[in-house]
Each structure stands twice: as C-alpha cells, then as structure tokens.
C-alpha atoms as a PDB file:
ATOM      1  CA  UNK A   1     -67.623 -96.512-138.714  1.00  0.00           C
ATOM      2  CA  UNK A   2     -71.147 -96.613-137.433  1.00  0.00           C
ATOM      3  CA  UNK A   3     -72.198 -95.959-133.871  1.00  0.00           C
ATOM      4  CA  UNK A   4     -73.598 -99.462-133.589  1.00  0.00           C
ATOM      5  CA  UNK A   5     -70.250-101.097-134.491  1.00  0.00           C
ATOM      6  CA  UNK A   6     -68.445-100.160-131.294  1.00  0.00           C
ATOM      7  CA  UNK A   7     -70.712 -98.640-128.681  1.00  0.00           C
ATOM      8  CA  UNK A   8     -68.025 -98.622-125.964  1.00  0.00           C
ATOM      9  CA  UNK A   9     -65.695 -96.528-128.109  1.00  0.00           C
ATOM     10  CA  UNK A  10     -68.392 -93.973-128.793  1.00  0.00           C
ATOM     11  CA  UNK A  11     -69.281 -93.801-125.108  1.00  0.00           C
ATOM     12  CA  UNK A  12     -65.612 -93.180-124.279  1.00  0.00           C
ATOM     13  CA  UNK A  13     -65.344 -90.500-126.944  1.00  0.00           C
ATOM     14  CA  UNK A  14     -68.485 -88.858-125.573  1.00  0.00           C
ATOM     15  CA  UNK A  15     -66.896 -88.562-122.108  1.00  0.00           C
ATOM     16  CA  UNK A  16     -63.712 -86.867-123.413  1.00  0.00           C
ATOM     17  CA  UNK A  17     -63.610 -83.107-123.230  1.00  0.00           C
ATOM     18  CA  UNK A  18     -63.793 -81.386-126.601  1.00  0.00           C
ATOM     19  CA  UNK A  19     -60.576 -79.874-127.952  1.00  0.00           C
ATOM     20  CA  UNK A  20     -60.719 -76.353-129.225  1.00  0.00           C
ATOM     21  CA  UNK A  21     -58.433 -75.324-132.037  1.00  0.00           C
ATOM     22  CA  UNK A  22     -56.452 -72.169-131.510  1.00  0.00           C
ATOM     23  CA  UNK A  23     -57.390 -69.284-133.780  1.00  0.00           C
ATOM     24  CA  UNK A  24     -53.690 -69.091-134.737  1.00  0.00           C
ATOM     25  CA  UNK A  25     -53.401 -72.771-135.663  1.00  0.00           C
ATOM     26  CA  UNK A  26     -52.681 -72.174-139.363  1.00  0.00           C
ATOM     27  CA  UNK A  27     -50.088 -69.511-138.542  1.00  0.00           C
ATOM     28  CA  UNK A  28     -48.304 -71.832-136.126  1.00  0.00           C
ATOM     29  CA  UNK A  29     -48.249 -74.681-138.658  1.00  0.00           C
ATOM     30  CA  UNK A  30     -46.756 -72.436-141.368  1.00  0.00           C
ATOM     31  CA  UNK A  31     -44.130 -71.096-138.916  1.00  0.00           C
ATOM     32  CA  UNK A  32     -43.104 -74.660-138.013  1.00  0.00           C
ATOM     33  CA  UNK A  33     -42.769 -75.589-141.682  1.00  0.00           C
ATOM     34  CA  UNK A  34     -40.612 -72.526-142.367  1.00  0.00           C
ATOM     35  CA  UNK A  35     -38.350 -73.304-139.396  1.00  0.00           C
ATOM     36  CA  UNK A  36     -37.751 -76.806-140.692  1.00  0.00           C
ATOM     37  CA  UNK A  37     -36.917 -75.438-144.140  1.00  0.00           C
ATOM     38  CA  UNK A  38     -34.328 -73.074-142.642  1.00  0.00           C
ATOM     39  CA  UNK A  39     -32.321 -76.044-141.345  1.00  0.00           C
ATOM     40  CA  UNK A  40     -31.026 -76.638-144.869  1.00  0.00           C
ATOM     41  CA  UNK A  41     -30.389 -72.944-145.478  1.00  0.00           C
ATOM     42  CA  UNK A  42     -26.785 -73.232-144.234  1.00  0.00           C
ATOM     43  CA  UNK A  43     -26.079 -76.111-146.603  1.00  0.00           C
ATOM     44  CA  UNK A  44     -27.811 -74.350-149.474  1.00  0.00           C
ATOM     45  CA  UNK A  45     -25.725 -71.237-148.803  1.00  0.00           C
ATOM     46  CA  UNK A  46     -22.502 -73.154-149.653  1.00  0.00           C
ATOM     47  CA  UNK A  47     -23.824 -74.113-153.076  1.00  0.00           C
ATOM     48  CA  UNK A  48     -24.589 -70.580-154.180  1.00  0.00           C
ATOM     49  CA  UNK A  49     -22.191 -69.209-156.825  1.00  0.00           C
ATOM     50  CA  UNK A  50     -21.176 -66.383-154.519  1.00  0.00           C
ATOM     51  CA  UNK A  51     -19.651 -68.875-152.069  1.00  0.00           C
ATOM     52  CA  UNK A  52     -18.909 -71.744-154.445  1.00  0.00           C
ATOM     53  CA  UNK A  53     -16.513 -69.837-156.732  1.00  0.00           C
ATOM     54  CA  UNK A  54     -14.115 -68.692-153.952  1.00  0.00           C
ATOM     55  CA  UNK A  55     -14.231 -72.122-152.316  1.00  0.00           C
ATOM     56  CA  UNK A  56     -13.361 -73.788-155.635  1.00  0.00           C
ATOM     57  CA  UNK A  57     -10.546 -71.297-156.206  1.00  0.00           C
ATOM     58  CA  UNK A  58      -9.135 -72.041-152.768  1.00  0.00           C
ATOM     59  CA  UNK A  59      -9.285 -75.794-153.407  1.00  0.00           C
ATOM     60  CA  UNK A  60      -7.491 -75.389-156.752  1.00  0.00           C
ATOM     61  CA  UNK A  61      -4.800 -73.219-155.115  1.00  0.00           C
ATOM     62  CA  UNK A  62      -4.218 -75.810-152.392  1.00  0.00           C
ATOM     63  CA  UNK A  63      -3.946 -78.638-154.928  1.00  0.00           C
ATOM     64  CA  UNK A  64      -1.551 -76.589-157.074  1.00  0.00           C
ATOM     65  CA  UNK A  65       0.614 -75.821-154.038  1.00  0.00           C
ATOM     66  CA  UNK A  66       0.719 -79.491-153.079  1.00  0.00           C
ATOM     67  CA  UNK A  67       1.705 -80.506-156.615  1.00  0.00           C
ATOM     68  CA  UNK A  68       4.513 -77.946-156.799  1.00  0.00           C
ATOM     69  CA  UNK A  69       5.893 -78.977-153.406  1.00  0.00           C
ATOM     70  CA  UNK A  70       5.809 -82.670-154.221  1.00  0.00           C
ATOM     71  CA  UNK A  71       9.198 -83.811-155.438  1.00  0.00           C
ATOM     72  CA  UNK A  72       9.718 -87.442-156.321  1.00  0.00           C
ATOM     73  CA  UNK A  73      12.827 -89.192-155.097  1.00  0.00           C
ATOM     74  CA  UNK A  74      15.697 -88.658-157.482  1.00  0.00           C
ATOM     75  CA  UNK A  75      16.610 -91.657-159.566  1.00  0.00           C
ATOM     76  CA  UNK A  76      20.249 -92.464-160.159  1.00  0.00           C
ATOM     77  CA  UNK A  77      20.259 -93.733-163.732  1.00  0.00           C
ATOM     78  CA  UNK A  78      23.712 -95.301-163.479  1.00  0.00           C
ATOM     79  CA  UNK A  79      22.608 -97.769-160.838  1.00  0.00           C
ATOM     80  CA  UNK A  80      19.434 -98.882-162.584  1.00  0.00           C
ATOM     81  CA  UNK A  81      20.777-100.264-165.842  1.00  0.00           C
ATOM     82  CA  UNK A  82      18.207-102.397-167.679  1.00  0.00           C
ATOM     83  CA  UNK A  83      18.949-106.106-167.839  1.00  0.00           C
ATOM     84  CA  UNK A  84      19.028-106.125-171.639  1.00  0.00           C
ATOM     85  CA  UNK A  85      21.871-103.627-171.820  1.00  0.00           C
ATOM     86  CA  UNK A  86      23.722-105.281-168.959  1.00  0.00           C
ATOM     87  CA  UNK A  87      23.571-108.660-170.740  1.00  0.00           C
ATOM     88  CA  UNK A  88      25.316-107.412-173.930  1.00  0.00           C
ATOM     89  CA  UNK A  89      28.845-108.498-174.562  1.00  0.00           C
ATOM     90  CA  UNK A  90      31.394-105.960-175.840  1.00  0.00           C
ATOM     91  CA  UNK A  91      31.598-107.780-179.187  1.00  0.00           C
ATOM     92  CA  UNK A  92      27.828-107.333-179.637  1.00  0.00           C
ATOM     93  CA  UNK A  93      28.297-103.555-179.874  1.00  0.00           C
ATOM     94  CA  UNK A  94      29.920-103.975-183.289  1.00  0.00           C
ATOM     95  CA  UNK A  95      26.953-106.003-184.535  1.00  0.00           C
ATOM     96  CA  UNK A  96      24.519-103.392-183.200  1.00  0.00           C
ATOM     97  CA  UNK A  97      26.458-100.597-184.903  1.00  0.00           C
ATOM     98  CA  UNK A  98      26.395-102.545-188.181  1.00  0.00           C
ATOM     99  CA  UNK A  99      22.644-103.100-187.830  1.00  0.00           C
ATOM    100  CA  UNK A 100      22.080 -99.390-187.256  1.00  0.00           C
ATOM    101  CA  UNK A 101      24.031 -98.556-190.412  1.00  0.00           C
ATOM    102  CA  UNK A 102      22.129-101.203-192.368  1.00  0.00           C
ATOM    103  CA  UNK A 103      18.762 -99.834-191.187  1.00  0.00           C
ATOM    104  CA  UNK A 104      19.773 -96.292-192.097  1.00  0.00           C
ATOM    105  CA  UNK A 105      20.919 -97.421-195.556  1.00  0.00           C
ATOM    106  CA  UNK A 106      17.700 -99.393-196.037  1.00  0.00           C
ATOM    107  CA  UNK A 107      15.604 -96.335-195.129  1.00  0.00           C
ATOM    108  CA  UNK A 108      17.473 -94.208-197.648  1.00  0.00           C
ATOM    109  CA  UNK A 109      17.077 -96.856-200.383  1.00  0.00           C
ATOM    110  CA  UNK A 110      13.360 -97.058-199.694  1.00  0.00           C
ATOM    111  CA  UNK A 111      12.951 -93.381-200.488  1.00  0.00           C
ATOM    112  CA  UNK A 112      15.165 -93.621-203.556  1.00  0.00           C
ATOM    113  CA  UNK A 113      13.070 -96.472-204.959  1.00  0.00           C
ATOM    114  CA  UNK A 114       9.844 -94.445-204.566  1.00  0.00           C
ATOM    115  CA  UNK A 115      11.207 -91.473-206.482  1.00  0.00           C
ATOM    116  CA  UNK A 116      12.259 -93.655-209.394  1.00  0.00           C
ATOM    117  CA  UNK A 117       8.735 -95.047-209.827  1.00  0.00           C
ATOM    118  CA  UNK A 118       7.183 -91.593-210.090  1.00  0.00           C
END
C-alpha cells in the first residue's frame, strides 16, 4: 500500500504512539506455547503404557466379575415342549422307532457295500 493511496490512514498512523516490544517477547511467546501444550499432558498421561496396562487390567477384571455374576433365568424344559413333539400321536412313536432302525440298518449296509468293492 502506497502512501498516496490512503493519506488519512497514514496521517492517523503517524499520530499513534509507537509500540515498543519487550526484550523478553520471544521468551513470553515460548512460555505461552508450552502452557497450552501442557493442557493435553493429563490426557496423554492416561495413554502411556505405565497407566494403560493397569487400567486395562482393571476393566477386564470388572467385565469378568460381571459375567460370572450374571445368571440367566432358569428354563423349565418340561413346560416348553416344542410344537412338533407335542403334535405327535402315540401311534406315531412306533413309526419313528421303525424309521430309526431302518436308518441305522441303511448306514451299516452302506459301509458293507464299500468294503465289497475294494
């Protein structure tokens, strides 16, 4: 910006008193930066292995204690009979028993047939 562009601004700036910089300006700036960095020091301290390992161990112990204390409601199996079993007639039990015997005999025959072909 040239002096001719805005003469009023330059006149105003000429009337202002000059500001002197402190001889310790750089030191004060560095101290302020370091103070701002120390704000995160507490958070960073939790993520160090020296603090993280015991905190993780404590969390695992609490979770293990909660899992061992948790007991699901007991289920009475006699009351909750599946619908398929409840729908069977007593005469169907004979058919089921015959089917089980037939399947067992078929499995045995399958193995016998394989040994004869070898």
